[in-house]
């Protein structure tokens, strides 16, 4: 049986597509926020006691999520909390340390043990399969919160310090604007969306509603700061497949030109 170049091309293309559909670990590369995230943390405790710590999760989705089997795990092993129950759509899930009196007037969904280090913690939220859902990198210190004023670590678009003493558990977070908190007047700026870290002040520029809105918004924190190894592998497979197809097409064209 003689296989022509056209048949070889079709067979190879079918095999590559089938492989990508069945085995490729390539996932979406967008900055999709996790369905459940860390929302607010009272790592410093409260005015009443430094031991009255609490952790709050938030459900970004419009569906109730079962947290049975999920865990909150610190890199040093303390705390290590197995979650139970469910978190309602666009709702909060409050964990209080030791007993349900860390946050007066707000009922905790779960009680846990294990103190948070004031110097910082790496906290990970894992689902029932052990996959990473969200994390806080605090090995060099917490990215917000104030032990002296008992203002919590709170998340809006990014981590900051709550504007409310002892935070706002069970409610939308209220955070300090860094420039205002330091007594500085924020200057107008244009945010380069191609490179969000590059901010260029503009002088004597007329007010533009679109630019004003852009300058006041923070860059959305990406759950995974960089592509995972699976993302890279998937991208490599896709590039290899497309390269193979291009080579086969070129070979067919060359063979036809020689015929």
Foldseek 3Di string as FASTA:
>chain_A
DDQDLVNVLVVLLVVLVVCLVPPALADDPDLDAFQKEWFWWLLQAAPVDSQWIKTKMFGAAQAKAFQQQKWKAWPVGFPIDGDGDIAHHRWMAMETEPDQPSDPPDGHPYYTYGHDDQQFIWIFIAGNVRDTRAIADAPRGHQEADNVQSFIFGDDLHTYTAPDRVFDPGDHTHHDDVCVVVVHDDAQWAADPVDRVDIDGDPPDDDDVVRVVVRPDDDRDRRDPDDDPSNVRSVVSVVVSVVVSVVSVVVVVVVVVVD
